[in-house]
Amino acid sequence: MKAVSLITGSSRGIGRGIALELAAAGTHDLVINYAGNEAAACECQQLCLEASKGQIRVEIAQGDISKAEDRVALIDFVREKFGRLDLLVNNAGVAPKVRADVLEASEESFDRLVAINLKGPYFLTQLAAKLMRESAPLPDAARAVITISSMSAYTAHVDRGEYCITKAGLSMMTKIYAARLAEFGINVYEIQPGIIATDMTGKVKEKYDKLFAEGITPINRWGQPSDIGKAVVAVAKGHFPYSTGQVFQVDGGFHLQIL
């Protein structure tokens, strides 16, 4: 029996990078969640099967984590297909549709980001933890929750304040669930990606290319989704059994304050 991972928002971008690294590791069966792009999810499913050389099962499951009924359906899907859950990766998230100065930003944008980026993971984690408790842990696989936040959890962007607030909220969510779930052998972690090459950052590529040219990070390159995936694999394999509530900054050293 293999451990089972559910990765939200994993049809593309960072989520796909995480899925592919887990697939290559061959330790977990996967549930690839998507909100609307079924074609991308199917493509990710096939790539994961190829990366694992057929060693794992990969299922796809539609669900908008901002909706309560979809969260319930997603966990029910995992239970029906696999009968257990060992790893939840809260990856699904969105940026504002329009980058607006904090003095002009709309409540509509704020509510949208809170629903998807913060409320969704908060209550999906609640459901996932209950499913994890239904089965015994497996050797060489952690029972864990990993939330993918952002360097925006501590970096102020005045033109997308609502995004920063939701990511900062995820940091506190990690601490709260880490404190609550430790007694069940479920460790909780936060990964804060830096500037990662995805569809989301592609829209501002020129800006970040310039910043890299100016030396914005000590490891002076774009991050890749696979960089995040490798960190997830380390947690999934149980390499941090005496850590919980831990923040892993996968950002090329952006967080360093250097004189």
Protein backbone atom coordinates (compact mmCIF):
# COMPACT_ATOMS: atom_id res chain seq x y z
CA MET A 1 0.00 0.00 0.00
CA LYS A 2 1.25 3.45 -0.93
CA ALA A 3 0.70 6.71 0.86
CA VAL A 4 -1.75 9.11 -0.80
CA SER A 5 -1.21 12.80 -1.58
CA LEU A 6 -3.83 15.38 -2.51
CA ILE A 7 -2.39 18.46 -4.24
CA THR A 8 -4.77 21.34 -4.83
CA GLY A 9 -4.41 23.50 -7.91
CA SER A 10 -1.95 21.03 -9.39
CA SER A 11 -2.84 21.02 -13.08
CA ARG A 12 -0.06 23.54 -13.85
CA GLY A 13 2.49 25.88 -12.32
CA ILE A 14 3.92 25.16 -8.89
CA GLY A 15 1.28 22.51 -8.25
CA ARG A 16 2.30 20.57 -11.34
CA GLY A 17 5.96 20.84 -10.31
CA ILE A 18 5.08 19.35 -6.93
CA ALA A 19 3.06 16.54 -8.51
CA LEU A 20 5.87 15.64 -10.91
CA GLU A 21 8.49 15.50 -8.17
CA LEU A 22 6.26 13.33 -5.98
CA ALA A 23 5.53 11.09 -8.96
CA ALA A 24 9.23 10.66 -9.73
CA ALA A 25 9.85 9.74 -6.09
CA GLY A 26 7.30 6.94 -6.49
CA THR A 27 6.27 6.94 -2.83
CA HIS A 28 2.74 8.35 -3.10
CA ASP A 29 -0.35 7.82 -5.17
CA LEU A 30 -1.62 11.21 -6.28
CA VAL A 31 -4.85 13.14 -6.57
CA ILE A 32 -4.46 16.04 -8.99
CA ASN A 33 -7.03 18.73 -8.19
CA TYR A 34 -8.07 21.40 -10.67
CA ALA A 35 -10.76 24.07 -10.66
CA GLY A 36 -11.50 24.61 -14.35
CA ASN A 37 -8.75 23.46 -16.71
CA GLU A 38 -9.48 19.76 -17.21
CA ALA A 39 -7.15 19.46 -20.21
CA ALA A 40 -4.20 20.69 -18.15
CA ALA A 41 -5.10 18.28 -15.34
CA CYS A 42 -5.22 15.35 -17.75
CA GLU A 43 -1.86 16.38 -19.17
CA CYS A 44 -0.41 16.55 -15.65
CA GLN A 45 -1.85 13.11 -14.90
CA GLN A 46 -0.12 11.60 -17.93
CA LEU A 47 3.18 13.31 -17.14
CA CYS A 48 3.04 11.98 -13.57
CA LEU A 49 2.39 8.44 -14.77
CA GLU A 50 5.38 8.72 -17.08
CA ALA A 51 7.59 10.22 -14.34
CA SER A 52 6.71 7.37 -12.00
CA LYS A 53 7.23 4.70 -14.70
CA GLY A 54 3.82 3.33 -13.84
CA GLN A 55 4.62 2.76 -10.17
CA ILE A 56 1.80 4.92 -8.82
CA ARG A 57 -1.88 5.65 -9.34
CA VAL A 58 -2.83 9.15 -10.41
CA GLU A 59 -6.42 10.40 -10.28
CA ILE A 60 -7.77 13.81 -11.24
CA ALA A 61 -10.54 15.54 -9.31
CA GLN A 62 -12.34 18.77 -10.16
CA GLY A 63 -13.12 21.10 -7.31
CA ASP A 64 -13.13 24.80 -6.47
CA ILE A 65 -11.73 24.96 -2.95
CA SER A 66 -13.48 28.27 -2.29
CA LYS A 67 -16.80 26.35 -2.27
CA ALA A 68 -17.76 24.30 0.78
CA GLU A 69 -19.55 21.63 -1.24
CA ASP A 70 -16.53 21.18 -3.50
CA ARG A 71 -14.21 20.77 -0.52
CA VAL A 72 -16.43 18.03 0.88
CA ALA A 73 -16.67 16.34 -2.52
CA LEU A 74 -12.91 16.44 -2.93
CA ILE A 75 -12.25 14.69 0.37
CA ASP A 76 -15.02 12.19 -0.35
CA PHE A 77 -13.35 11.48 -3.70
CA VAL A 78 -10.05 10.69 -1.98
CA ARG A 79 -11.79 8.45 0.54
CA GLU A 80 -13.70 6.54 -2.14
CA LYS A 81 -10.72 6.09 -4.48
CA PHE A 82 -7.99 5.35 -1.94
CA GLY A 83 -9.52 4.94 1.51
CA ARG A 84 -6.88 7.10 3.13
CA LEU A 85 -4.97 10.39 2.94
CA ASP A 86 -1.41 10.95 4.11
CA LEU A 87 -0.37 14.28 2.62
CA LEU A 88 -2.37 17.40 1.81
CA VAL A 89 -0.60 20.08 -0.20
CA ASN A 90 -2.54 23.34 -0.07
CA ASN A 91 -1.27 24.87 -3.28
CA ALA A 92 -4.30 26.35 -5.07
CA GLY A 93 -4.28 30.13 -5.13
CA VAL A 94 -4.88 33.14 -7.32
CA ALA A 95 -3.51 36.62 -7.78
CA PRO A 96 -5.72 39.70 -8.17
CA LYS A 97 -7.21 40.00 -11.64
CA VAL A 98 -5.98 43.61 -11.66
CA ARG A 99 -3.02 44.92 -9.69
CA ALA A 100 -4.51 47.94 -7.97
CA ASP A 101 -3.01 50.39 -5.52
CA VAL A 102 -4.17 49.61 -1.98
CA LEU A 103 -5.95 52.98 -1.93
CA GLU A 104 -8.04 51.95 -4.95
CA ALA A 105 -8.41 48.16 -4.62
CA SER A 106 -11.94 46.74 -4.54
CA GLU A 107 -13.75 44.70 -1.91
CA GLU A 108 -14.71 42.27 -4.65
CA SER A 109 -11.06 41.44 -5.30
CA PHE A 110 -10.37 41.16 -1.57
CA ASP A 111 -13.28 38.76 -1.03
CA ARG A 112 -12.27 36.62 -4.03
CA LEU A 113 -8.71 36.18 -2.81
CA VAL A 114 -9.70 35.47 0.78
CA ALA A 115 -12.18 32.81 -0.37
CA ILE A 116 -9.71 30.97 -2.59
CA ASN A 117 -6.34 31.63 -0.98
CA LEU A 118 -7.22 31.50 2.71
CA LYS A 119 -10.72 30.27 3.56
CA GLY A 120 -10.46 27.37 1.12
CA PRO A 121 -7.20 25.93 2.53
CA TYR A 122 -8.33 26.59 6.11
CA PHE A 123 -11.45 24.47 5.85
CA LEU A 124 -10.00 21.90 3.45
CA THR A 125 -7.27 21.23 6.02
CA GLN A 126 -9.98 20.68 8.63
CA LEU A 127 -11.62 18.01 6.47
CA ALA A 128 -8.34 16.44 5.37
CA ALA A 129 -7.07 16.08 8.94
CA LYS A 130 -10.20 14.13 9.88
CA LEU A 131 -9.63 11.75 6.95
CA MET A 132 -5.95 11.31 7.87
CA ARG A 133 -6.99 10.24 11.36
CA GLU A 134 -9.12 7.39 9.96
CA SER A 135 -6.12 5.22 9.04
CA ALA A 136 -2.80 4.24 10.57
CA PRO A 137 0.38 5.91 9.33
CA LEU A 138 2.60 4.06 6.88
CA PRO A 139 6.35 3.55 7.33
CA ASP A 140 8.65 5.96 5.46
CA ALA A 141 5.82 8.41 4.69
CA ALA A 142 4.82 11.37 6.80
CA ARG A 143 1.26 12.27 7.65
CA ALA A 144 1.47 15.97 6.94
CA VAL A 145 -0.12 19.16 5.69
CA ILE A 146 2.02 21.46 3.57
CA THR A 147 0.75 24.90 2.65
CA ILE A 148 2.36 26.76 -0.22
CA SER A 149 2.26 30.43 0.69
CA SER A 150 4.66 33.02 -0.73
CA MET A 151 7.42 35.46 0.09
CA SER A 152 4.46 37.86 -0.05
CA ALA A 153 3.55 36.57 3.40
CA TYR A 154 6.16 39.01 4.75
CA THR A 155 6.89 41.30 1.78
CA ALA A 156 4.58 44.28 1.29
CA HIS A 157 3.24 44.89 -2.24
CA VAL A 158 1.19 48.07 -2.30
CA ASP A 159 -0.40 47.10 -5.62
CA ARG A 160 -1.72 43.73 -4.46
CA GLY A 161 -2.32 44.09 -0.75
CA GLU A 162 -5.11 41.52 -0.69
CA TYR A 163 -2.71 38.87 -1.98
CA CYS A 164 -0.16 39.63 0.74
CA ILE A 165 -2.81 39.50 3.44
CA THR A 166 -4.05 36.07 2.36
CA LYS A 167 -0.52 34.69 2.28
CA ALA A 168 0.24 36.13 5.72
CA GLY A 169 -2.96 34.47 6.92
CA LEU A 170 -1.69 31.12 5.69
CA SER A 171 1.38 31.56 7.89
CA MET A 172 -0.80 31.80 10.98
CA MET A 173 -3.00 28.95 9.72
CA THR A 174 0.11 26.76 9.62
CA LYS A 175 0.93 27.55 13.24
CA ILE A 176 -2.62 26.91 14.43
CA TYR A 177 -2.95 23.55 12.71
CA ALA A 178 0.57 22.54 13.74
CA ALA A 179 -0.38 23.06 17.37
CA ARG A 180 -3.69 21.22 17.01
CA LEU A 181 -2.69 18.22 14.90
CA ALA A 182 0.62 17.21 16.51
CA GLU A 183 -1.13 14.88 18.94
CA PHE A 184 -2.41 12.85 15.97
CA GLY A 185 1.02 12.51 14.40
CA ILE A 186 0.19 15.01 11.66
CA ASN A 187 2.91 17.61 11.14
CA VAL A 188 2.17 20.90 9.43
CA TYR A 189 4.55 22.99 7.35
CA GLU A 190 4.62 26.14 5.25
CA ILE A 191 6.70 26.59 2.12
CA GLN A 192 7.29 30.18 1.04
CA PRO A 193 8.31 30.24 -2.63
CA GLY A 194 10.23 33.16 -4.01
CA ILE A 195 10.12 34.31 -7.63
CA ILE A 196 9.06 31.16 -9.47
CA ALA A 197 8.67 30.84 -13.25
CA THR A 198 4.95 30.17 -13.74
CA ASP A 199 2.02 31.54 -15.71
CA MET A 200 1.34 33.95 -12.84
CA THR A 201 4.80 35.54 -12.87
CA GLY A 202 5.02 35.37 -16.66
CA LYS A 203 2.86 38.47 -16.80
CA VAL A 204 5.57 40.49 -15.05
CA LYS A 205 8.61 38.64 -16.40
CA GLU A 206 10.34 41.78 -17.63
CA LYS A 207 10.13 43.36 -14.18
CA TYR A 208 11.70 40.35 -12.47
CA ASP A 209 14.32 39.84 -15.16
CA LYS A 210 15.52 43.35 -14.37
CA LEU A 211 15.54 42.64 -10.64
CA PHE A 212 17.58 39.48 -11.14
CA ALA A 213 20.02 41.47 -13.26
CA GLU A 214 20.37 43.81 -10.28
CA GLY A 215 21.05 40.88 -7.91
CA ILE A 216 17.75 40.64 -6.02
CA THR A 217 18.63 37.16 -4.69
CA PRO A 218 21.95 35.57 -3.68
CA ILE A 219 21.09 32.49 -5.78
CA ASN A 220 20.60 34.66 -8.79
CA ARG A 221 18.13 32.85 -11.02
CA TRP A 222 14.43 32.28 -11.48
CA GLY A 223 13.05 29.59 -9.22
CA GLN A 224 11.40 26.61 -10.87
CA PRO A 225 8.28 24.68 -9.82
CA SER A 226 10.54 21.66 -9.36
CA ASP A 227 12.42 23.56 -6.63
CA ILE A 228 9.22 23.66 -4.60
CA GLY A 229 8.46 20.05 -5.49
CA LYS A 230 11.77 18.84 -4.10
CA ALA A 231 11.02 20.49 -0.75
CA VAL A 232 7.61 18.81 -0.66
CA VAL A 233 9.17 15.41 -1.38
CA ALA A 234 11.56 15.81 1.55
CA VAL A 235 8.62 16.42 3.89
CA ALA A 236 6.50 13.68 2.31
CA LYS A 237 9.22 11.09 2.90
CA GLY A 238 9.22 11.92 6.60
CA HIS A 239 12.64 13.57 6.78
CA PHE A 240 11.47 16.10 9.40
CA PRO A 241 9.77 13.96 12.07
CA TYR A 242 10.62 16.28 14.97
CA SER A 243 9.56 19.51 13.25
CA THR A 244 6.15 21.07 12.91
CA GLY A 245 4.98 24.59 12.22
CA GLN A 246 8.23 24.98 10.29
CA VAL A 247 8.57 27.53 7.47
CA PHE A 248 10.75 26.52 4.52
CA GLN A 249 11.84 29.50 2.43
CA VAL A 250 12.51 28.27 -1.11
CA ASP A 251 13.38 31.68 -2.51
CA GLY A 252 17.01 31.76 -3.58
CA GLY A 253 17.88 33.61 -0.38
CA PHE A 254 15.47 36.52 -0.96
CA HIS A 255 14.59 36.55 2.75
CA LEU A 256 18.16 37.38 3.78
CA GLN A 257 18.80 40.93 4.88
CA ILE A 258 22.20 41.69 3.41
CA LEU A 259 24.25 44.84 3.85
